[in-house]
């Protein structure tokens, strides 16, 4: 079984549990929900979420997703690693596809490291 990861605010995950599906703002603005692999998530967190203290990491079982999953390169990137592809979920993430939720807190300097999954 394959897993992908998604970083979100704890409050957004709590709201998703009430509604039955998780929807990130990027689904409306870009048409998909950004996800990462375990190898990519630290770089993503430190680029976009540095110092934020209210985050959780969703571990998503790809075979359980009801929405379409595509592996794509970033549209715009100044990252020298932009030849990497990222998992994008084209629709809401159904709650039963999330197999684990882990607190995702930065260290004292605001830097993230991958927690035990």
PDB file of N, CA and C in Angstrom:
ATOM      1  N   UNK A   1       0.837  -1.190   0.000  1.00  0.00           N
ATOM      2  CA  UNK A   1       0.000   0.000   0.000  1.00  0.00           C
ATOM      3  C   UNK A   1       0.874   1.242   0.000  1.00  0.00           C
ATOM      4  N   UNK A   2       0.421   2.249  -0.682  1.00  0.00           N
ATOM      5  CA  UNK A   2       1.174   3.480  -0.844  1.00  0.00           C
ATOM      6  C   UNK A   2       0.556   4.596  -0.003  1.00  0.00           C
ATOM      7  N   UNK A   3       1.411   5.436   0.584  1.00  0.00           N
ATOM      8  CA  UNK A   3       0.908   6.553   1.370  1.00  0.00           C
ATOM      9  C   UNK A   3       1.510   7.859   0.875  1.00  0.00           C
ATOM     10  N   UNK A   4       0.747   8.929   1.054  1.00  0.00           N
ATOM     11  CA  UNK A   4       1.197  10.282   0.790  1.00  0.00           C
ATOM     12  C   UNK A   4       0.875  11.108   2.028  1.00  0.00           C
ATOM     13  N   UNK A   5       1.422  12.299   2.104  1.00  0.00           N
ATOM     14  CA  UNK A   5       1.253  13.155   3.274  1.00  0.00           C
ATOM     15  C   UNK A   5       0.681  14.507   2.875  1.00  0.00           C
ATOM     16  N   UNK A   6      -0.077  15.086   3.805  1.00  0.00           N
ATOM     17  CA  UNK A   6      -0.607  16.434   3.590  1.00  0.00           C
ATOM     18  C   UNK A   6      -0.478  17.203   4.892  1.00  0.00           C
ATOM     19  N   UNK A   7       0.011  18.439   4.805  1.00  0.00           N
ATOM     20  CA  UNK A   7       0.147  19.328   5.957  1.00  0.00           C
ATOM     21  C   UNK A   7      -1.091  20.212   6.019  1.00  0.00           C
ATOM     22  N   UNK A   8      -1.683  20.297   7.210  1.00  0.00           N
ATOM     23  CA  UNK A   8      -2.841  21.170   7.370  1.00  0.00           C
ATOM     24  C   UNK A   8      -2.914  21.689   8.798  1.00  0.00           C
ATOM     25  N   UNK A   9      -3.731  22.711   9.000  1.00  0.00           N
ATOM     26  CA  UNK A   9      -3.968  23.231  10.342  1.00  0.00           C
ATOM     27  C   UNK A   9      -4.828  22.238  11.128  1.00  0.00           C
ATOM     28  N   UNK A  10      -4.548  22.111  12.381  1.00  0.00           N
ATOM     29  CA  UNK A  10      -5.310  21.210  13.251  1.00  0.00           C
ATOM     30  C   UNK A  10      -6.808  21.522  13.173  1.00  0.00           C
ATOM     31  N   UNK A  11      -7.163  22.784  13.146  1.00  0.00           N
ATOM     32  CA  UNK A  11      -8.566  23.199  13.086  1.00  0.00           C
ATOM     33  C   UNK A  11      -9.233  22.741  11.782  1.00  0.00           C
ATOM     34  N   UNK A  12      -8.510  22.796  10.670  1.00  0.00           N
ATOM     35  CA  UNK A  12      -9.066  22.350   9.387  1.00  0.00           C
ATOM     36  C   UNK A  12      -9.332  20.844   9.412  1.00  0.00           C
ATOM     37  N   UNK A  13      -8.450  20.082  10.045  1.00  0.00           N
ATOM     38  CA  UNK A  13      -8.662  18.637  10.152  1.00  0.00           C
ATOM     39  C   UNK A  13      -9.873  18.340  11.041  1.00  0.00           C
ATOM     40  N   UNK A  14     -10.005  19.074  12.138  1.00  0.00           N
ATOM     41  CA  UNK A  14     -11.162  18.871  13.016  1.00  0.00           C
ATOM     42  C   UNK A  14     -12.465  19.170  12.274  1.00  0.00           C
ATOM     43  N   UNK A  15     -12.484  20.211  11.472  1.00  0.00           N
ATOM     44  CA  UNK A  15     -13.671  20.538  10.677  1.00  0.00           C
ATOM     45  C   UNK A  15     -13.967  19.434   9.663  1.00  0.00           C
ATOM     46  N   UNK A  16     -12.939  18.860   9.087  1.00  0.00           N
ATOM     47  CA  UNK A  16     -13.116  17.789   8.101  1.00  0.00           C
ATOM     48  C   UNK A  16     -13.756  16.560   8.731  1.00  0.00           C
ATOM     49  N   UNK A  17     -13.404  16.277   9.958  1.00  0.00           N
ATOM     50  CA  UNK A  17     -13.981  15.115  10.631  1.00  0.00           C
ATOM     51  C   UNK A  17     -15.486  15.286  10.824  1.00  0.00           C
ATOM     52  N   UNK A  18     -15.938  16.498  11.019  1.00  0.00           N
ATOM     53  CA  UNK A  18     -17.369  16.765  11.160  1.00  0.00           C
ATOM     54  C   UNK A  18     -18.099  16.653   9.828  1.00  0.00           C
ATOM     55  N   UNK A  19     -17.429  17.069   8.740  1.00  0.00           N
ATOM     56  CA  UNK A  19     -18.090  17.075   7.434  1.00  0.00           C
ATOM     57  C   UNK A  19     -17.947  15.761   6.674  1.00  0.00           C
ATOM     58  N   UNK A  20     -16.960  14.934   7.048  1.00  0.00           N
ATOM     59  CA  UNK A  20     -16.762  13.650   6.379  1.00  0.00           C
ATOM     60  C   UNK A  20     -15.726  13.669   5.274  1.00  0.00           C
ATOM     61  N   UNK A  21     -15.200  14.863   4.937  1.00  0.00           N
ATOM     62  CA  UNK A  21     -14.163  14.968   3.909  1.00  0.00           C
ATOM     63  C   UNK A  21     -13.307  16.199   4.185  1.00  0.00           C
ATOM     64  N   UNK A  22     -12.046  16.107   3.810  1.00  0.00           N
ATOM     65  CA  UNK A  22     -11.126  17.227   3.970  1.00  0.00           C
ATOM     66  C   UNK A  22     -11.018  17.977   2.644  1.00  0.00           C
ATOM     67  N   UNK A  23     -11.150  19.310   2.712  1.00  0.00           N
ATOM     68  CA  UNK A  23     -11.022  20.159   1.529  1.00  0.00           C
ATOM     69  C   UNK A  23     -10.060  21.293   1.864  1.00  0.00           C
ATOM     70  N   UNK A  24      -8.970  21.363   1.145  1.00  0.00           N
ATOM     71  CA  UNK A  24      -8.000  22.449   1.322  1.00  0.00           C
ATOM     72  C   UNK A  24      -8.399  23.634   0.449  1.00  0.00           C
ATOM     73  N   UNK A  25      -8.027  24.845   0.822  1.00  0.00           N
ATOM     74  CA  UNK A  25      -8.325  26.012  -0.022  1.00  0.00           C
ATOM     75  C   UNK A  25      -7.798  25.870  -1.446  1.00  0.00           C
ATOM     76  N   UNK A  26      -6.706  25.140  -1.629  1.00  0.00           N
ATOM     77  CA  UNK A  26      -6.143  24.988  -2.975  1.00  0.00           C
ATOM     78  C   UNK A  26      -7.057  24.206  -3.914  1.00  0.00           C
ATOM     79  N   UNK A  27      -7.987  23.453  -3.373  1.00  0.00           N
ATOM     80  CA  UNK A  27      -8.914  22.727  -4.243  1.00  0.00           C
ATOM     81  C   UNK A  27      -9.755  23.720  -5.043  1.00  0.00           C
ATOM     82  N   UNK A  28     -10.187  24.808  -4.410  1.00  0.00           N
ATOM     83  CA  UNK A  28     -10.937  25.857  -5.115  1.00  0.00           C
ATOM     84  C   UNK A  28     -10.030  26.708  -5.999  1.00  0.00           C
ATOM     85  N   UNK A  29      -8.876  27.083  -5.486  1.00  0.00           N
ATOM     86  CA  UNK A  29      -8.022  28.018  -6.221  1.00  0.00           C
ATOM     87  C   UNK A  29      -7.185  27.366  -7.327  1.00  0.00           C
ATOM     88  N   UNK A  30      -6.793  26.096  -7.139  1.00  0.00           N
ATOM     89  CA  UNK A  30      -5.921  25.438  -8.116  1.00  0.00           C
ATOM     90  C   UNK A  30      -6.513  24.165  -8.709  1.00  0.00           C
ATOM     91  N   UNK A  31      -7.592  23.680  -8.102  1.00  0.00           N
ATOM     92  CA  UNK A  31      -8.245  22.483  -8.622  1.00  0.00           C
ATOM     93  C   UNK A  31      -7.761  21.179  -8.014  1.00  0.00           C
ATOM     94  N   UNK A  32      -6.829  21.247  -7.057  1.00  0.00           N
ATOM     95  CA  UNK A  32      -6.331  20.036  -6.411  1.00  0.00           C
ATOM     96  C   UNK A  32      -5.789  20.360  -5.026  1.00  0.00           C
ATOM     97  N   UNK A  33      -5.548  19.321  -4.236  1.00  0.00           N
ATOM     98  CA  UNK A  33      -4.953  19.440  -2.906  1.00  0.00           C
ATOM     99  C   UNK A  33      -3.498  18.986  -3.005  1.00  0.00           C
ATOM    100  N   UNK A  34      -2.591  19.851  -2.585  1.00  0.00           N
ATOM    101  CA  UNK A  34      -1.163  19.545  -2.599  1.00  0.00           C
ATOM    102  C   UNK A  34      -0.830  18.494  -1.550  1.00  0.00           C
ATOM    103  N   UNK A  35      -0.079  17.479  -1.933  1.00  0.00           N
ATOM    104  CA  UNK A  35       0.427  16.479  -0.996  1.00  0.00           C
ATOM    105  C   UNK A  35       1.909  16.281  -1.264  1.00  0.00           C
ATOM    106  N   UNK A  36       2.537  15.455  -0.445  1.00  0.00           N
ATOM    107  CA  UNK A  36       3.964  15.184  -0.562  1.00  0.00           C
ATOM    108  C   UNK A  36       4.237  13.736  -0.230  1.00  0.00           C
ATOM    109  N   UNK A  37       5.426  13.299  -0.583  1.00  0.00           N
ATOM    110  CA  UNK A  37       5.915  12.014  -0.106  1.00  0.00           C
ATOM    111  C   UNK A  37       6.651  12.274   1.208  1.00  0.00           C
ATOM    112  N   UNK A  38       7.013  11.230   1.908  1.00  0.00           N
ATOM    113  CA  UNK A  38       7.779  11.383   3.149  1.00  0.00           C
ATOM    114  C   UNK A  38       9.116  12.070   2.868  1.00  0.00           C
ATOM    115  N   UNK A  39       9.697  11.825   1.707  1.00  0.00           N
ATOM    116  CA  UNK A  39      10.974  12.436   1.343  1.00  0.00           C
ATOM    117  C   UNK A  39      10.828  13.918   1.012  1.00  0.00           C
ATOM    118  N   UNK A  40       9.665  14.362   0.632  1.00  0.00           N
ATOM    119  CA  UNK A  40       9.452  15.752   0.216  1.00  0.00           C
ATOM    120  C   UNK A  40       8.913  16.658   1.320  1.00  0.00           C
ATOM    121  N   UNK A  41       8.274  16.094   2.327  1.00  0.00           N
ATOM    122  CA  UNK A  41       7.466  16.891   3.246  1.00  0.00           C
ATOM    123  C   UNK A  41       8.273  17.883   4.091  1.00  0.00           C
ATOM    124  N   UNK A  42       9.488  17.554   4.497  1.00  0.00           N
ATOM    125  CA  UNK A  42      10.282  18.507   5.284  1.00  0.00           C
ATOM    126  C   UNK A  42      10.571  19.763   4.474  1.00  0.00           C
ATOM    127  N   UNK A  43      10.993  19.596   3.226  1.00  0.00           N
ATOM    128  CA  UNK A  43      11.295  20.753   2.372  1.00  0.00           C
ATOM    129  C   UNK A  43      10.047  21.604   2.169  1.00  0.00           C
ATOM    130  N   UNK A  44       8.905  20.962   1.937  1.00  0.00           N
ATOM    131  CA  UNK A  44       7.648  21.692   1.764  1.00  0.00           C
ATOM    132  C   UNK A  44       7.298  22.455   3.045  1.00  0.00           C
ATOM    133  N   UNK A  45       7.377  21.782   4.180  1.00  0.00           N
ATOM    134  CA  UNK A  45       7.037  22.418   5.462  1.00  0.00           C
ATOM    135  C   UNK A  45       7.934  23.609   5.750  1.00  0.00           C
ATOM    136  N   UNK A  46       9.221  23.455   5.517  1.00  0.00           N
ATOM    137  CA  UNK A  46      10.150  24.537   5.816  1.00  0.00           C
ATOM    138  C   UNK A  46      10.092  25.669   4.801  1.00  0.00           C
ATOM    139  N   UNK A  47       9.570  25.411   3.616  1.00  0.00           N
ATOM    140  CA  UNK A  47       9.398  26.464   2.609  1.00  0.00           C
ATOM    141  C   UNK A  47       8.112  27.260   2.805  1.00  0.00           C
ATOM    142  N   UNK A  48       7.035  26.576   3.218  1.00  0.00           N
ATOM    143  CA  UNK A  48       5.715  27.214   3.246  1.00  0.00           C
ATOM    144  C   UNK A  48       5.089  27.376   4.636  1.00  0.00           C
ATOM    145  N   UNK A  49       5.561  26.642   5.635  1.00  0.00           N
ATOM    146  CA  UNK A  49       4.919  26.643   6.951  1.00  0.00           C
ATOM    147  C   UNK A  49       5.871  26.979   8.087  1.00  0.00           C
ATOM    148  N   UNK A  50       7.046  27.433   7.793  1.00  0.00           N
ATOM    149  CA  UNK A  50       8.086  27.675   8.801  1.00  0.00           C
ATOM    150  C   UNK A  50       7.530  28.433  10.010  1.00  0.00           C
ATOM    151  N   UNK A  51       7.752  27.877  11.205  1.00  0.00           N
ATOM    152  CA  UNK A  51       7.375  28.523  12.450  1.00  0.00           C
ATOM    153  C   UNK A  51       5.926  28.372  12.864  1.00  0.00           C
ATOM    154  N   UNK A  52       5.076  27.767  12.039  1.00  0.00           N
ATOM    155  CA  UNK A  52       3.666  27.603  12.407  1.00  0.00           C
ATOM    156  C   UNK A  52       3.521  26.461  13.421  1.00  0.00           C
ATOM    157  N   UNK A  53       2.718  26.686  14.440  1.00  0.00           N
ATOM    158  CA  UNK A  53       2.621  25.737  15.543  1.00  0.00           C
ATOM    159  C   UNK A  53       1.301  24.981  15.638  1.00  0.00           C
ATOM    160  N   UNK A  54       0.404  25.165  14.703  1.00  0.00           N
ATOM    161  CA  UNK A  54      -0.931  24.564  14.815  1.00  0.00           C
ATOM    162  C   UNK A  54      -1.174  23.501  13.751  1.00  0.00           C
ATOM    163  N   UNK A  55      -0.113  22.807  13.323  1.00  0.00           N
ATOM    164  CA  UNK A  55      -0.229  21.908  12.179  1.00  0.00           C
ATOM    165  C   UNK A  55      -0.298  20.431  12.566  1.00  0.00           C
ATOM    166  N   UNK A  56      -0.924  19.680  11.680  1.00  0.00           N
ATOM    167  CA  UNK A  56      -0.909  18.224  11.750  1.00  0.00           C
ATOM    168  C   UNK A  56      -0.510  17.701  10.378  1.00  0.00           C
ATOM    169  N   UNK A  57      -0.028  16.479  10.378  1.00  0.00           N
ATOM    170  CA  UNK A  57       0.369  15.806   9.153  1.00  0.00           C
ATOM    171  C   UNK A  57      -0.583  14.641   8.939  1.00  0.00           C
ATOM    172  N   UNK A  58      -1.280  14.659   7.806  1.00  0.00           N
ATOM    173  CA  UNK A  58      -2.208  13.573   7.476  1.00  0.00           C
ATOM    174  C   UNK A  58      -1.458  12.525   6.664  1.00  0.00           C
ATOM    175  N   UNK A  59      -1.520  11.285   7.126  1.00  0.00           N
ATOM    176  CA  UNK A  59      -0.951  10.166   6.355  1.00  0.00           C
ATOM    177  C   UNK A  59      -2.110   9.512   5.623  1.00  0.00           C
ATOM    178  N   UNK A  60      -2.067   9.584   4.305  1.00  0.00           N
ATOM    179  CA  UNK A  60      -3.190   9.200   3.456  1.00  0.00           C
ATOM    180  C   UNK A  60      -2.862   7.922   2.694  1.00  0.00           C
ATOM    181  N   UNK A  61      -3.748   6.963   2.768  1.00  0.00           N
ATOM    182  CA  UNK A  61      -3.621   5.708   2.029  1.00  0.00           C
ATOM    183  C   UNK A  61      -4.156   5.945   0.620  1.00  0.00           C
ATOM    184  N   UNK A  62      -3.284   5.916  -0.375  1.00  0.00           N
ATOM    185  CA  UNK A  62      -3.686   6.287  -1.734  1.00  0.00           C
ATOM    186  C   UNK A  62      -4.752   5.359  -2.320  1.00  0.00           C
ATOM    187  N   UNK A  63      -4.723   4.080  -1.974  1.00  0.00           N
ATOM    188  CA  UNK A  63      -5.703   3.139  -2.520  1.00  0.00           C
ATOM    189  C   UNK A  63      -7.116   3.387  -1.990  1.00  0.00           C
ATOM    190  N   UNK A  64      -7.217   4.113  -0.884  1.00  0.00           N
ATOM    191  CA  UNK A  64      -8.532   4.406  -0.298  1.00  0.00           C
ATOM    192  C   UNK A  64      -9.130   5.724  -0.793  1.00  0.00           C
ATOM    193  N   UNK A  65      -8.343   6.524  -1.499  1.00  0.00           N
ATOM    194  CA  UNK A  65      -8.857   7.803  -2.000  1.00  0.00           C
ATOM    195  C   UNK A  65      -9.997   7.578  -2.982  1.00  0.00           C
ATOM    196  N   UNK A  66     -11.048   8.369  -2.838  1.00  0.00           N
ATOM    197  CA  UNK A  66     -12.139   8.324  -3.813  1.00  0.00           C
ATOM    198  C   UNK A  66     -11.931   9.364  -4.911  1.00  0.00           C
ATOM    199  N   UNK A  67     -11.111  10.383  -4.642  1.00  0.00           N
ATOM    200  CA  UNK A  67     -10.774  11.400  -5.644  1.00  0.00           C
ATOM    201  C   UNK A  67      -9.580  10.920  -6.467  1.00  0.00           C
ATOM    202  N   UNK A  68      -9.395  11.530  -7.619  1.00  0.00           N
ATOM    203  CA  UNK A  68      -8.287  11.189  -8.511  1.00  0.00           C
ATOM    204  C   UNK A  68      -6.962  11.688  -7.942  1.00  0.00           C
ATOM    205  N   UNK A  69      -5.952  10.846  -8.000  1.00  0.00           N
ATOM    206  CA  UNK A  69      -4.590  11.194  -7.589  1.00  0.00           C
ATOM    207  C   UNK A  69      -3.722  11.254  -8.837  1.00  0.00           C
ATOM    208  N   UNK A  70      -3.000  12.380  -8.992  1.00  0.00           N
ATOM    209  CA  UNK A  70      -2.060  12.530 -10.114  1.00  0.00           C
ATOM    210  C   UNK A  70      -0.703  12.936  -9.561  1.00  0.00           C
ATOM    211  N   UNK A  71       0.348  12.442 -10.182  1.00  0.00           N
ATOM    212  CA  UNK A  71       1.722  12.802  -9.831  1.00  0.00           C
ATOM    213  C   UNK A  71       2.195  13.814 -10.863  1.00  0.00           C
ATOM    214  N   UNK A  72       2.469  15.058 -10.393  1.00  0.00           N
ATOM    215  CA  UNK A  72       2.773  16.149 -11.317  1.00  0.00           C
ATOM    216  C   UNK A  72       3.916  17.017 -10.808  1.00  0.00           C
ATOM    217  N   UNK A  73       4.596  17.656 -11.732  1.00  0.00           N
ATOM    218  CA  UNK A  73       5.634  18.621 -11.395  1.00  0.00           C
ATOM    219  C   UNK A  73       4.979  19.917 -10.922  1.00  0.00           C
ATOM    220  N   UNK A  74       5.650  20.676 -10.071  1.00  0.00           N
ATOM    221  CA  UNK A  74       5.114  21.982  -9.673  1.00  0.00           C
ATOM    222  C   UNK A  74       4.946  22.871 -10.898  1.00  0.00           C
ATOM    223  N   UNK A  75       3.892  23.673 -10.913  1.00  0.00           N
ATOM    224  CA  UNK A  75       3.634  24.546 -12.059  1.00  0.00           C
ATOM    225  C   UNK A  75       4.700  25.622 -12.152  1.00  0.00           C
ATOM    226  N   UNK A  76       4.947  26.296 -11.053  1.00  0.00           N
ATOM    227  CA  UNK A  76       5.972  27.336 -11.020  1.00  0.00           C
ATOM    228  C   UNK A  76       6.886  27.021  -9.859  1.00  0.00           C
ATOM    229  N   UNK A  77       8.172  26.988 -10.132  1.00  0.00           N
ATOM    230  CA  UNK A  77       9.096  26.678  -9.061  1.00  0.00           C
ATOM    231  C   UNK A  77      10.469  27.241  -9.371  1.00  0.00           C
ATOM    232  N   UNK A  78      11.074  27.864  -8.375  1.00  0.00           N
ATOM    233  CA  UNK A  78      12.466  28.291  -8.491  1.00  0.00           C
ATOM    234  C   UNK A  78      13.359  27.270  -7.789  1.00  0.00           C
ATOM    235  N   UNK A  79      12.740  26.191  -7.343  1.00  0.00           N
ATOM    236  CA  UNK A  79      13.443  25.122  -6.645  1.00  0.00           C
ATOM    237  C   UNK A  79      14.315  24.349  -7.634  1.00  0.00           C
ATOM    238  N   UNK A  80      15.601  24.167  -7.322  1.00  0.00           N
ATOM    239  CA  UNK A  80      16.457  23.406  -8.241  1.00  0.00           C
ATOM    240  C   UNK A  80      16.043  21.947  -8.361  1.00  0.00           C
ATOM    241  N   UNK A  81      15.195  21.493  -7.461  1.00  0.00           N
ATOM    242  CA  UNK A  81      14.704  20.116  -7.493  1.00  0.00           C
ATOM    243  C   UNK A  81      13.352  20.031  -8.198  1.00  0.00           C
ATOM    244  N   UNK A  82      13.031  20.998  -9.054  1.00  0.00           N
ATOM    245  CA  UNK A  82      11.706  21.057  -9.658  1.00  0.00           C
ATOM    246  C   UNK A  82      11.432  19.940 -10.658  1.00  0.00           C
ATOM    247  N   UNK A  83      12.405  19.053 -10.864  1.00  0.00           N
ATOM    248  CA  UNK A  83      12.135  17.895 -11.708  1.00  0.00           C
ATOM    249  C   UNK A  83      11.393  16.806 -10.923  1.00  0.00           C
ATOM    250  N   UNK A  84      11.180  17.033  -9.639  1.00  0.00           N
ATOM    251  CA  UNK A  84      10.430  16.094  -8.820  1.00  0.00           C
ATOM    252  C   UNK A  84       8.943  16.209  -9.117  1.00  0.00           C
ATOM    253  N   UNK A  85       8.240  15.133  -8.970  1.00  0.00           N
ATOM    254  CA  UNK A  85       6.786  15.182  -9.095  1.00  0.00           C
ATOM    255  C   UNK A  85       6.174  15.039  -7.708  1.00  0.00           C
ATOM    256  N   UNK A  86       5.042  15.689  -7.531  1.00  0.00           N
ATOM    257  CA  UNK A  86       4.334  15.688  -6.261  1.00  0.00           C
ATOM    258  C   UNK A  86       2.954  15.076  -6.443  1.00  0.00           C
ATOM    259  N   UNK A  87       2.425  14.437  -5.402  1.00  0.00           N
ATOM    260  CA  UNK A  87       1.063  13.914  -5.481  1.00  0.00           C
ATOM    261  C   UNK A  87       0.043  15.033  -5.310  1.00  0.00           C
ATOM    262  N   UNK A  88      -0.912  15.099  -6.232  1.00  0.00           N
ATOM    263  CA  UNK A  88      -2.001  16.075  -6.188  1.00  0.00           C
ATOM    264  C   UNK A  88      -3.323  15.315  -6.177  1.00  0.00           C
ATOM    265  N   UNK A  89      -4.194  15.663  -5.244  1.00  0.00           N
ATOM    266  CA  UNK A  89      -5.499  15.005  -5.126  1.00  0.00           C
ATOM    267  C   UNK A  89      -6.554  15.934  -5.720  1.00  0.00           C
ATOM    268  N   UNK A  90      -7.221  15.462  -6.767  1.00  0.00           N
ATOM    269  CA  UNK A  90      -8.201  16.258  -7.507  1.00  0.00           C
ATOM    270  C   UNK A  90      -9.612  16.025  -6.981  1.00  0.00           C
ATOM    271  N   UNK A  91      -9.841  16.471  -5.756  1.00  0.00           N
ATOM    272  CA  UNK A  91     -11.141  16.366  -5.112  1.00  0.00           C
ATOM    273  C   UNK A  91     -10.942  16.301  -3.610  1.00  0.00           C
ATOM    274  N   UNK A  92     -12.030  16.301  -2.853  1.00  0.00           N
ATOM    275  CA  UNK A  92     -11.926  16.194  -1.403  1.00  0.00           C
ATOM    276  C   UNK A  92     -11.263  14.876  -0.996  1.00  0.00           C
ATOM    277  N   UNK A  93     -10.559  14.915   0.114  1.00  0.00           N
ATOM    278  CA  UNK A  93      -9.946  13.704   0.663  1.00  0.00           C
ATOM    279  C   UNK A  93     -10.948  13.082   1.633  1.00  0.00           C
ATOM    280  N   UNK A  94     -11.423  11.897   1.281  1.00  0.00           N
ATOM    281  CA  UNK A  94     -12.370  11.202   2.152  1.00  0.00           C
ATOM    282  C   UNK A  94     -11.676  10.805   3.462  1.00  0.00           C
ATOM    283  N   UNK A  95     -12.390  10.982   4.565  1.00  0.00           N
ATOM    284  CA  UNK A  95     -11.837  10.767   5.902  1.00  0.00           C
ATOM    285  C   UNK A  95     -11.273   9.364   6.072  1.00  0.00           C
ATOM    286  N   UNK A  96     -11.914   8.355   5.509  1.00  0.00           N
ATOM    287  CA  UNK A  96     -11.434   6.985   5.706  1.00  0.00           C
ATOM    288  C   UNK A  96     -10.150   6.688   4.930  1.00  0.00           C
ATOM    289  N   UNK A  97      -9.690   7.600   4.086  1.00  0.00           N
ATOM    290  CA  UNK A  97      -8.390   7.434   3.426  1.00  0.00           C
ATOM    291  C   UNK A  97      -7.247   7.901   4.324  1.00  0.00           C
ATOM    292  N   UNK A  98      -7.566   8.678   5.366  1.00  0.00           N
ATOM    293  CA  UNK A  98      -6.553   9.180   6.298  1.00  0.00           C
ATOM    294  C   UNK A  98      -6.345   8.118   7.367  1.00  0.00           C
ATOM    295  N   UNK A  99      -5.194   7.462   7.300  1.00  0.00           N
ATOM    296  CA  UNK A  99      -4.949   6.354   8.218  1.00  0.00           C
ATOM    297  C   UNK A  99      -4.265   6.784   9.505  1.00  0.00           C
ATOM    298  N   UNK A 100      -3.663   7.971   9.510  1.00  0.00           N
ATOM    299  CA  UNK A 100      -2.998   8.447  10.724  1.00  0.00           C
ATOM    300  C   UNK A 100      -2.881   9.962  10.670  1.00  0.00           C
ATOM    301  N   UNK A 101      -2.998  10.592  11.823  1.00  0.00           N
ATOM    302  CA  UNK A 101      -2.819  12.037  11.963  1.00  0.00           C
ATOM    303  C   UNK A 101      -1.746  12.245  13.031  1.00  0.00           C
ATOM    304  N   UNK A 102      -0.710  12.988  12.685  1.00  0.00           N
ATOM    305  CA  UNK A 102       0.433  13.186  13.570  1.00  0.00           C
ATOM    306  C   UNK A 102       0.620  14.677  13.816  1.00  0.00           C
ATOM    307  N   UNK A 103       0.845  15.053  15.083  1.00  0.00           N
ATOM    308  CA  UNK A 103       1.192  16.444  15.388  1.00  0.00           C
ATOM    309  C   UNK A 103       2.443  16.803  14.588  1.00  0.00           C
ATOM    310  N   UNK A 104       2.458  17.988  14.006  1.00  0.00           N
ATOM    311  CA  UNK A 104       3.584  18.404  13.168  1.00  0.00           C
ATOM    312  C   UNK A 104       4.039  19.771  13.648  1.00  0.00           C
ATOM    313  N   UNK A 105       4.951  19.757  14.604  1.00  0.00           N
ATOM    314  CA  UNK A 105       5.404  20.978  15.247  1.00  0.00           C
ATOM    315  C   UNK A 105       6.855  21.272  14.891  1.00  0.00           C
ATOM    316  N   UNK A 106       7.190  22.541  14.720  1.00  0.00           N
ATOM    317  CA  UNK A 106       8.588  22.897  14.447  1.00  0.00           C
ATOM    318  C   UNK A 106       9.406  22.884  15.734  1.00  0.00           C
ATOM    319  N   UNK A 107      10.723  22.875  15.585  1.00  0.00           N
ATOM    320  CA  UNK A 107      11.584  22.992  16.755  1.00  0.00           C
ATOM    321  C   UNK A 107      11.652  24.460  17.176  1.00  0.00           C
ATOM    322  N   UNK A 108      12.469  24.780  18.159  1.00  0.00           N
ATOM    323  CA  UNK A 108      12.544  26.141  18.704  1.00  0.00           C
ATOM    324  C   UNK A 108      12.951  27.172  17.658  1.00  0.00           C
ATOM    325  N   UNK A 109      13.667  26.740  16.625  1.00  0.00           N
ATOM    326  CA  UNK A 109      14.088  27.680  15.575  1.00  0.00           C
ATOM    327  C   UNK A 109      13.037  27.829  14.474  1.00  0.00           C
ATOM    328  N   UNK A 110      11.923  27.067  14.584  1.00  0.00           N
ATOM    329  CA  UNK A 110      10.866  27.145  13.575  1.00  0.00           C
ATOM    330  C   UNK A 110      11.005  26.133  12.460  1.00  0.00           C
ATOM    331  N   UNK A 111      11.998  25.247  12.558  1.00  0.00           N
ATOM    332  CA  UNK A 111      12.289  24.269  11.517  1.00  0.00           C
ATOM    333  C   UNK A 111      11.549  22.952  11.764  1.00  0.00           C
ATOM    334  N   UNK A 112      11.032  22.374  10.693  1.00  0.00           N
ATOM    335  CA  UNK A 112      10.333  21.098  10.779  1.00  0.00           C
ATOM    336  C   UNK A 112      11.259  19.939  10.437  1.00  0.00           C
ATOM    337  N   UNK A 113      11.042  18.826  11.122  1.00  0.00           N
ATOM    338  CA  UNK A 113      11.663  17.551  10.761  1.00  0.00           C
ATOM    339  C   UNK A 113      10.554  16.514  10.740  1.00  0.00           C
ATOM    340  N   UNK A 114      10.744  15.509   9.924  1.00  0.00           N
ATOM    341  CA  UNK A 114       9.729  14.471   9.761  1.00  0.00           C
ATOM    342  C   UNK A 114       9.521  13.716  11.068  1.00  0.00           C
ATOM    343  N   UNK A 115       8.288  13.693  11.583  1.00  0.00           N
ATOM    344  CA  UNK A 115       8.038  12.948  12.823  1.00  0.00           C
ATOM    345  C   UNK A 115       7.894  11.453  12.514  1.00  0.00           C
ATOM    346  N   UNK A 116       7.836  10.667  13.559  1.00  0.00           N
ATOM    347  CA  UNK A 116       7.584   9.228  13.416  1.00  0.00           C
ATOM    348  C   UNK A 116       6.200   9.038  12.817  1.00  0.00           C
ATOM    349  N   UNK A 117       6.137   8.318  11.727  1.00  0.00           N
ATOM    350  CA  UNK A 117       4.862   8.076  11.070  1.00  0.00           C
ATOM    351  C   UNK A 117       4.425   6.661  11.330  1.00  0.00           C
TER     352      UNK A 117
END
